[in-house]
Protein backbone atom coordinates (compact mmCIF):
# COMPACT_ATOMS: atom_id res chain seq x y z
CA ILE A 1 -32.92 -17.25 31.54
CA ASN A 2 -30.99 -20.36 32.46
CA GLY A 3 -27.76 -19.48 34.22
CA LEU A 4 -28.66 -15.88 35.12
CA SER A 5 -26.74 -15.01 38.28
CA ASN A 6 -25.33 -12.08 40.19
CA ILE A 7 -22.14 -13.32 41.77
CA VAL A 8 -20.11 -11.71 44.52
CA GLY A 9 -17.13 -13.62 45.85
CA ASN A 10 -16.39 -17.17 44.78
CA ALA A 11 -19.26 -18.86 43.04
CA THR A 12 -20.20 -21.13 40.20
CA ALA A 13 -22.79 -20.39 37.53
CA ASN A 14 -24.81 -23.16 36.01
CA THR A 15 -24.54 -23.99 32.36
CA GLY A 16 -26.60 -21.41 30.55
CA VAL A 17 -26.92 -18.52 28.22
CA LEU A 18 -26.33 -15.40 30.26
CA CYS A 19 -24.37 -14.60 33.39
CA TRP A 20 -24.11 -11.15 34.96
CA VAL A 21 -20.92 -10.40 36.90
CA GLY A 22 -21.44 -7.58 39.33
CA GLY A 23 -18.74 -7.92 41.93
CA GLN A 24 -15.30 -9.11 42.84
CA GLY A 25 -14.05 -12.64 43.10
CA ASN A 26 -13.82 -15.72 40.96
CA LEU A 27 -16.45 -16.74 38.45
CA VAL A 28 -16.59 -20.25 37.03
CA THR A 29 -19.08 -20.71 34.18
CA GLY A 30 -20.51 -23.83 32.69
CA ALA A 31 -20.44 -24.69 29.03
CA GLY A 32 -22.09 -22.13 26.79
CA ALA A 33 -22.31 -19.33 29.36
CA LEU A 34 -22.22 -15.79 28.01
CA VAL A 35 -20.72 -13.34 30.49
CA PHE A 36 -20.94 -9.56 30.62
CA GLY A 37 -21.00 -6.75 33.16
CA SER A 38 -18.29 -5.06 35.21
CA PHE A 39 -15.31 -7.36 35.25
CA LEU A 40 -13.70 -8.83 38.30
CA SER A 41 -10.92 -6.74 39.81
CA ASP A 42 -9.73 -9.60 42.00
CA GLY A 43 -9.62 -13.25 41.13
CA GLY A 44 -10.50 -14.26 37.59
CA LEU A 45 -13.02 -15.48 35.09
CA ARG A 46 -12.99 -19.08 33.97
CA GLY A 47 -15.25 -21.06 31.70
CA THR A 48 -15.31 -23.93 29.26
CA THR A 49 -17.21 -22.12 26.50
CA LEU A 50 -17.25 -18.37 26.70
CA LEU A 51 -17.45 -17.56 23.00
CA SER A 52 -18.99 -19.32 20.07
CA ASP A 53 -19.99 -18.51 16.49
CA ASN A 54 -23.61 -18.13 17.55
CA ASN A 55 -22.90 -16.23 20.78
CA PRO A 56 -20.85 -13.06 20.17
CA LEU A 57 -19.48 -11.37 23.28
CA SER A 58 -19.19 -7.64 23.87
CA LEU A 59 -17.38 -6.50 27.01
CA ARG A 60 -16.83 -3.05 28.47
CA THR A 61 -15.07 -1.71 31.51
CA THR A 62 -14.41 1.82 32.74
CA SER A 63 -11.63 0.82 35.09
CA ALA A 64 -8.00 1.15 34.20
CA ARG A 65 -7.28 -2.56 33.70
CA ARG A 66 -9.13 -5.83 34.09
CA THR A 67 -7.98 -9.34 33.27
CA ALA A 68 -10.10 -12.33 32.40
CA THR A 69 -8.93 -15.89 31.92
CA VAL A 70 -10.93 -18.56 30.15
CA ALA A 71 -9.62 -22.05 30.62
CA ASN A 72 -8.89 -23.85 27.33
CA SER A 73 -10.47 -20.97 25.47
CA PHE A 74 -9.65 -17.25 25.58
CA THR A 75 -7.72 -14.89 27.79
CA GLY A 76 -8.08 -11.16 27.57
CA VAL A 77 -6.79 -7.88 28.94
CA PHE A 78 -9.37 -5.11 29.06
CA ASN A 79 -8.23 -1.52 28.98
CA GLY A 80 -11.05 0.75 27.91
CA GLY A 81 -12.19 -1.81 25.33
CA TYR A 82 -11.88 -5.51 24.92
CA SER A 83 -9.50 -8.08 23.47
CA PHE A 84 -9.05 -11.81 23.59
CA ARG A 85 -6.34 -14.27 22.84
CA THR A 86 -5.76 -17.95 23.39
CA SER A 87 -3.08 -19.10 25.77
CA ASP A 88 -1.00 -20.25 22.77
CA GLY A 89 -1.51 -16.90 21.04
CA GLN A 90 -3.16 -18.41 17.98
CA ALA A 91 -6.65 -16.93 18.25
CA GLY A 92 -8.16 -13.66 19.30
CA ILE A 93 -10.60 -10.81 18.89
CA SER A 94 -9.89 -7.15 19.41
CA GLU A 95 -12.04 -4.05 19.47
CA ALA A 96 -10.45 -3.07 16.15
CA GLY A 97 -12.05 -6.05 14.47
CA LEU A 98 -9.09 -8.42 14.29
CA PHE A 99 -9.81 -12.13 14.22
CA VAL A 100 -7.03 -14.68 14.60
CA ILE A 101 -8.34 -18.15 13.93
CA PRO A 102 -6.29 -21.34 14.41
CA PHE A 103 -5.95 -23.38 11.25
CA SER A 104 -7.22 -26.36 13.19
CA ALA A 105 -10.59 -24.58 13.40
CA ASN A 106 -10.76 -24.33 9.61
CA THR A 107 -10.72 -26.83 6.79
CA ALA A 108 -8.47 -24.67 4.64
CA GLY A 109 -5.00 -25.11 6.02
CA ASN A 110 -2.24 -26.52 8.11
CA SER A 111 -3.00 -26.92 11.80
CA SER A 112 0.52 -25.73 12.64
CA GLN A 113 -0.27 -22.19 11.48
CA ALA A 114 -2.96 -19.58 12.13
CA LEU A 115 -5.21 -17.50 9.91
CA VAL A 116 -5.58 -13.76 10.56
CA GLY A 117 -8.60 -11.82 9.36
CA ILE A 118 -9.31 -8.08 9.56
CA ASN A 119 -13.01 -7.26 9.23
CA THR A 120 -13.73 -10.91 8.59
CA ALA A 121 -14.25 -13.72 11.08
CA THR A 122 -13.66 -16.39 8.44
CA PRO A 123 -10.25 -15.82 6.84
CA THR A 124 -9.51 -18.66 4.43
CA ARG A 125 -7.64 -17.22 1.44
CA GLY A 126 -4.28 -16.58 3.08
CA LEU A 127 -2.48 -16.26 6.39
CA LEU A 128 -3.76 -12.66 6.38
CA GLU A 129 -7.03 -11.61 4.80
CA VAL A 130 -8.15 -7.98 4.82
CA VAL A 131 -11.69 -6.95 3.88
CA GLY A 132 -12.66 -3.34 3.16
CA SER A 133 -10.64 -0.15 2.89
CA VAL A 134 -10.26 3.23 4.58
CA ASN A 135 -8.64 6.59 3.94
CA ASN A 136 -5.43 6.21 5.87
CA PRO A 137 -3.17 9.08 6.95
CA GLN A 138 0.19 9.19 5.26
CA ASN A 139 3.16 9.31 7.58
CA ALA A 140 5.18 12.42 6.77
CA GLY A 141 8.14 11.70 9.02
CA ARG A 142 9.90 13.63 11.76
CA PHE A 143 9.87 17.39 11.46
CA PHE A 144 11.22 18.80 14.69
CA ASP A 145 14.78 17.53 14.83
CA ASN A 146 16.01 21.12 14.94
CA PHE A 147 13.42 22.28 17.46
CA SER A 148 14.32 19.91 20.25
CA ASN A 149 16.32 16.83 21.04
CA ALA A 150 13.17 14.70 20.86
CA LEU A 151 11.89 13.50 17.51
CA THR A 152 8.20 13.71 16.75
CA ASP A 153 6.54 11.18 14.45
CA LEU A 154 3.34 12.62 13.02
CA ALA A 155 0.67 11.36 10.66
CA GLY A 156 -0.91 13.58 8.08
CA ALA A 157 -3.06 13.92 5.02
CA ASN A 158 -5.74 11.50 3.95
CA HIS A 159 -4.64 9.32 1.12
CA SER A 160 -6.62 7.17 -1.30
CA SER A 161 -8.64 4.22 -0.08
CA TYR A 162 -6.41 1.28 0.77
CA SER A 163 -6.96 -2.10 2.34
CA ILE A 164 -3.31 -2.12 3.44
CA PHE A 165 -1.18 1.01 3.73
CA ALA A 166 2.44 1.04 4.85
CA SER A 167 4.51 4.07 5.80
CA SER A 168 7.56 2.41 4.29
CA ARG A 169 8.46 -0.38 1.91
CA ILE A 170 6.82 -3.79 1.82
CA ALA A 171 9.07 -6.78 1.13
CA GLY A 172 8.08 -10.15 -0.24
CA PHE A 173 9.04 -12.72 -2.83
CA SER A 174 6.19 -11.97 -5.24
CA PHE A 175 2.83 -10.27 -5.76
CA ASP A 176 -0.15 -11.86 -7.49
CA ALA A 177 -2.81 -9.65 -9.06
CA VAL A 178 -6.33 -10.94 -9.56
CA SER A 179 -6.62 -11.51 -13.32
CA ASP A 180 -9.29 -14.12 -14.03
CA ALA A 181 -10.93 -13.80 -17.45
CA ARG A 182 -14.34 -14.37 -15.88
CA ILE A 183 -14.22 -11.05 -14.03
CA LYS A 184 -13.36 -9.01 -17.12
CA ARG A 185 -15.10 -7.71 -20.23
CA ILE A 186 -12.33 -8.48 -22.71
CA GLU A 187 -12.31 -6.10 -25.69
CA GLY A 188 -9.45 -7.62 -27.63
CA ARG A 189 -5.70 -7.65 -27.85
CA SER A 190 -3.91 -4.36 -27.32
CA ASP A 191 -2.60 -2.45 -30.33
CA ALA A 192 1.12 -3.13 -29.93
CA VAL A 193 2.15 -0.57 -32.57
CA ARG A 194 0.33 2.18 -30.70
CA ASP A 195 1.62 0.86 -27.37
CA LEU A 196 5.21 1.16 -28.60
CA LYS A 197 4.57 4.73 -29.67
CA THR A 198 3.01 5.50 -26.26
CA LEU A 199 5.90 3.92 -24.39
CA LEU A 200 8.41 5.98 -26.34
CA SER A 201 6.54 9.11 -25.23
CA ILE A 202 6.94 8.36 -21.52
CA GLU A 203 9.98 10.02 -19.96
CA VAL A 204 12.04 8.35 -17.27
CA THR A 205 13.20 11.15 -14.97
CA ASP A 206 15.95 11.58 -12.40
CA TYR A 207 14.73 13.28 -9.21
CA LYS A 208 14.82 13.36 -5.40
CA PHE A 209 11.92 13.79 -2.98
CA LYS A 210 11.21 17.15 -1.40
CA ASP A 211 10.16 15.49 1.86
CA THR A 212 13.53 13.98 2.64
CA LEU A 213 12.58 13.24 6.24
CA ALA A 214 9.87 10.82 5.18
CA ASN A 215 11.24 9.57 1.86
CA GLY A 216 14.98 9.94 2.15
CA ASN A 217 17.41 11.67 -0.17
CA VAL A 218 18.24 8.75 -2.44
CA PRO A 219 18.23 9.58 -6.18
CA GLN A 220 15.18 8.20 -7.98
CA LYS A 221 14.84 7.15 -11.60
CA LYS A 222 11.12 6.82 -12.29
CA VAL A 223 8.30 8.60 -14.06
CA ILE A 224 6.40 11.81 -13.26
CA ALA A 225 2.63 11.36 -13.08
CA GLN A 226 1.74 14.58 -14.88
CA GLN A 227 4.03 13.69 -17.80
CA VAL A 228 2.66 10.14 -18.03
CA GLU A 229 -0.87 11.51 -17.91
CA GLN A 230 -0.36 13.38 -21.20
CA TYR A 231 0.23 10.16 -23.15
CA TYR A 232 -1.13 7.32 -20.98
CA PRO A 233 -3.86 8.77 -18.74
CA GLN A 234 -5.30 5.40 -17.74
CA ALA A 235 -2.15 4.76 -15.69
CA VAL A 236 -2.68 7.89 -13.55
CA SER A 237 -5.29 8.44 -10.84
CA GLN A 238 -6.09 11.45 -8.68
CA HIS A 239 -7.00 11.72 -5.02
CA THR A 240 -6.99 14.22 -2.18
CA ASP A 241 -3.68 14.53 -0.38
CA VAL A 242 -1.26 17.06 1.05
CA VAL A 243 1.84 17.99 -0.96
CA PRO A 244 5.04 19.45 0.57
CA ASP A 245 4.91 22.62 -1.50
CA ILE A 246 5.78 24.91 1.44
CA TYR A 247 7.84 22.74 3.80
CA GLU A 248 9.02 25.51 6.11
CA LYS A 249 9.42 26.04 9.84
CA ALA A 250 7.60 29.01 11.34
CA THR A 251 6.29 30.49 14.57
CA ALA A 252 2.64 30.53 15.57
CA LYS A 253 0.58 32.59 18.00
CA ASP A 254 -3.18 32.81 18.45
CA GLY A 255 -3.78 30.93 15.22
CA TRP A 256 -1.46 33.15 13.17
CA VAL A 257 1.48 31.52 11.41
CA GLN A 258 4.29 33.96 10.72
CA LEU A 259 5.41 32.85 7.28
CA THR A 260 5.07 34.41 3.84
CA THR A 261 3.32 32.00 1.46
CA ASP A 262 1.04 32.05 -1.56
CA LEU A 263 -1.81 30.42 0.39
CA LYS A 264 -5.31 31.76 -0.24
CA VAL A 265 -8.33 32.05 2.01
CA GLY A 266 -10.33 28.82 1.87
CA GLU A 267 -7.38 26.57 1.08
CA ARG A 268 -6.40 23.88 3.56
CA VAL A 269 -2.88 23.53 4.86
CA ARG A 270 -1.18 20.87 6.93
CA LEU A 271 0.36 22.27 10.12
CA ILE A 272 2.51 20.28 12.52
CA GLY A 273 3.21 21.28 16.09
CA GLU A 274 5.65 19.65 18.44
CA LYS A 275 2.90 17.44 19.87
CA GLU A 276 -0.04 17.79 17.51
CA GLU A 277 -0.84 18.24 13.86
CA GLY A 278 -3.76 18.71 11.53
CA ILE A 279 -5.08 20.00 8.23
CA HIS A 280 -6.75 23.37 8.70
CA GLU A 281 -8.59 25.87 6.55
CA VAL A 282 -6.90 29.20 5.91
CA LEU A 283 -9.12 31.88 7.44
CA GLU A 284 -7.09 35.04 6.79
CA VAL A 285 -3.99 35.93 4.79
CA THR A 286 -1.54 38.83 5.05
CA LYS A 287 1.78 39.44 3.36
CA ASP A 288 3.55 38.20 6.49
CA GLY A 289 1.47 35.15 7.36
CA PHE A 290 -1.88 33.46 7.57
CA ARG A 291 -4.41 32.44 10.23
CA THR A 292 -6.11 29.10 10.88
CA SER A 293 -7.83 27.50 13.86
CA PHE A 294 -4.68 25.53 14.65
CA LYS A 295 -3.27 26.50 18.04
CA PRO A 296 -0.33 24.28 19.02
CA ALA A 297 0.85 23.94 22.58
CA GLY A 298 4.11 25.72 21.76
CA ASP A 299 4.99 28.55 19.43
CA LYS A 300 6.78 26.41 16.86
CA VAL A 301 5.02 24.99 13.83
CA PHE A 302 6.05 23.22 10.66
CA VAL A 303 4.07 24.25 7.58
CA TYR A 304 4.14 21.10 5.47
CA GLY A 305 2.02 22.17 2.52
CA ARG A 306 -1.47 22.58 1.14
CA GLU A 307 -4.15 20.00 0.58
CA VAL A 308 -4.88 19.36 -3.09
CA LYS A 309 -7.66 17.37 -4.70
CA ASP A 310 -5.63 16.29 -7.70
CA SER A 311 -2.63 14.60 -6.13
CA ARG A 312 -1.56 11.93 -8.58
CA THR A 313 -0.45 8.33 -8.29
CA VAL A 314 0.94 6.13 -11.06
CA ASP A 315 -0.04 2.54 -11.78
CA TYR A 316 3.36 1.06 -12.52
CA ASP A 317 1.72 -2.27 -13.38
CA ALA A 318 -0.05 -0.51 -16.25
CA ILE A 319 3.27 0.89 -17.49
CA SER A 320 4.85 -2.55 -17.15
CA MET A 321 2.13 -4.11 -19.28
CA LEU A 322 2.51 -1.31 -21.82
CA ASN A 323 6.17 -2.20 -21.90
CA VAL A 324 5.32 -5.88 -22.47
CA SER A 325 3.11 -5.03 -25.43
CA ALA A 326 5.69 -2.61 -26.85
CA THR A 327 8.46 -5.17 -26.39
CA GLN A 328 6.39 -7.73 -28.25
CA GLU A 329 6.03 -5.25 -31.11
CA LEU A 330 9.79 -4.67 -31.09
CA ALA A 331 10.30 -8.43 -31.14
CA ARG A 332 8.04 -8.69 -34.21
CA LYS A 333 9.99 -5.88 -35.88
CA VAL A 334 13.27 -7.61 -35.09
CA GLU A 335 11.94 -10.91 -36.42
CA ALA A 336 10.82 -9.19 -39.62
CA LYS A 337 14.20 -7.50 -39.99
CA ASP A 338 15.98 -10.79 -39.30
CA ALA A 339 13.90 -12.50 -41.98
CA GLU A 340 14.61 -9.67 -44.42
CA ILE A 341 18.33 -9.77 -43.65
CA ALA A 342 18.37 -13.55 -44.06
CA ALA A 343 16.66 -13.24 -47.44
CA LEU A 344 19.11 -10.56 -48.55
CA LYS A 345 22.05 -12.66 -47.41
CA LYS A 346 20.70 -15.62 -49.35
CA GLN A 347 20.20 -13.46 -52.45
CA LEU A 348 23.69 -12.02 -52.09
CA ALA A 349 25.18 -15.49 -51.69
CA GLU A 350 23.40 -16.70 -54.81
CA GLN A 351 24.52 -13.67 -56.81
CA THR A 352 28.09 -14.04 -55.58
CA LYS A 353 28.06 -17.72 -56.56
CA ALA A 354 26.72 -16.86 -60.05
CA ILE A 355 29.36 -14.15 -60.56
CA GLU A 356 32.14 -16.50 -59.47
CA ALA A 357 30.86 -19.13 -61.91
CA ARG A 358 30.85 -16.63 -64.79
CA LEU A 359 34.36 -15.48 -63.94
CA ALA A 360 35.51 -19.09 -63.91
CA ARG A 361 34.06 -19.68 -67.37
CA LEU A 362 35.67 -16.54 -68.74
CA GLU A 363 39.03 -17.58 -67.40
CA ARG A 364 38.77 -20.97 -69.12
CA PHE A 365 38.09 -19.46 -72.56
CA ALA A 366 40.57 -16.61 -72.33
CA PRO A 367 43.67 -17.07 -74.67
CA ALA A 368 46.87 -17.86 -72.89
CA THR A 369 48.81 -15.14 -74.82
CA ALA A 370 46.31 -12.45 -74.14
CA VAL A 371 47.91 -9.11 -73.47
CA PRO A 372 46.53 -7.35 -70.40
CA VAL A 373 44.61 -4.26 -71.33
CA LYS A 374 45.21 -1.13 -69.31
CA LEU A 375 42.42 1.33 -68.97
CA ALA A 376 43.15 4.96 -68.40
CA LEU A 377 40.57 7.16 -66.84
CA LYS A 378 40.25 10.69 -68.09
CA LYS A 379 40.79 13.32 -65.53
C-alpha cells in the first residue's frame, strides 16, 4: 500500500493511503494519508489531509493522554477514545458521534457560523441537528444535603425516548412544530362544539411537586394527566419511569433497606446512595424493610420511589389546539349572540319609534279642555 511505513523518531511518510505509527517522535504525512496505531507520546502528528469524507479515521490509545496536531486540519486530544477539533474550534468529531462542520464546508449557510450534528455528518437544517433518540435518565436532583456537607447529583429512571432531554428548562424565542399537510392524512375539521365541551371538562389544578429538590417548591397551575385522560385521552401518553411515591431516607446493610413501605416482591425501586444509585428489583419484604441487590458504599440510602410502567405525560400542544378550536366556537356563539342582540335592538328601536308616533298623533287630536281621568286600582 502506498505510504505504508513504521516510523520511529522523526520521519516523513509519502503521500498515500495508510501509515502505521508505532513509536515516538514526529510524524509528517503527505496529502491523503490515513494514520492509525499507538499515538506518539513525544513530538506530534502533522499532515495536510488526515481526514476526508471517503477516508474515516478511527483511533485508539490505552495510555492516559496523547495529543495529535494536524496542520490546517484537525487537532485532537485522546484519552481512552478519540476526538478532533480544528484550531479555530469550528469542526470536530468525538467518540460520542458529534460532528461540527464549518458553514464554509456546506452550501447551506453563512461561513461565519458552524453547523453541529449529532448522529449525522451532514447537518444542514439548523445550527444544531439531532438524529435519533434514546431513553435518557431523568435527573432527580440532590438527595444527601442532610447526610453530609457535600451535595450529590444523581441520575435516575429511564424516561421516554427523546432526541433532546434537558434536566431543567429550555429557553428560546419560539418553537416550530413540523406541520406540513403532505405528511398528514387529514380527516376534516375538528368538531368545535365537542371541543368546547371537552375543554370545559379539563380541570386546571393548583399543586406543588413532591420532588422539591429536583423541581423546586414553586406553586404550579396546570393540569393533571389522569384527569385529562378521562376526557381527552389523545393528549396523554404513558411510559416507564420512577415516581417519588416513597421519598424517604433510610439505612441499608447487606442489601436490606430499613424502611416500612408498601413495596411488593418483584417491584422495582430506585435507591440512591451517597456515591451510587440504581433501580433494583425487590427480592424480599418484611414489615420493617425490604431487600434488593443494591449495596451502597455507606449505610445511608435514599428511597426515591418505585418504577411504574404507566407514568403519564401531557401534550400541552394538544390542549392548546383544543383551546383554539373551543375559542373559535365561543367566538361563533358570541357573533351569533351579537347578531341576535343587534336584531332585537333594531326591532326595539322600530317599535319605540312607532309608539312615539302614535302618541304624537293622539296628542294632536286630544281636546284642549279634556279633563284628566284618574284610575283607581282595587285593592
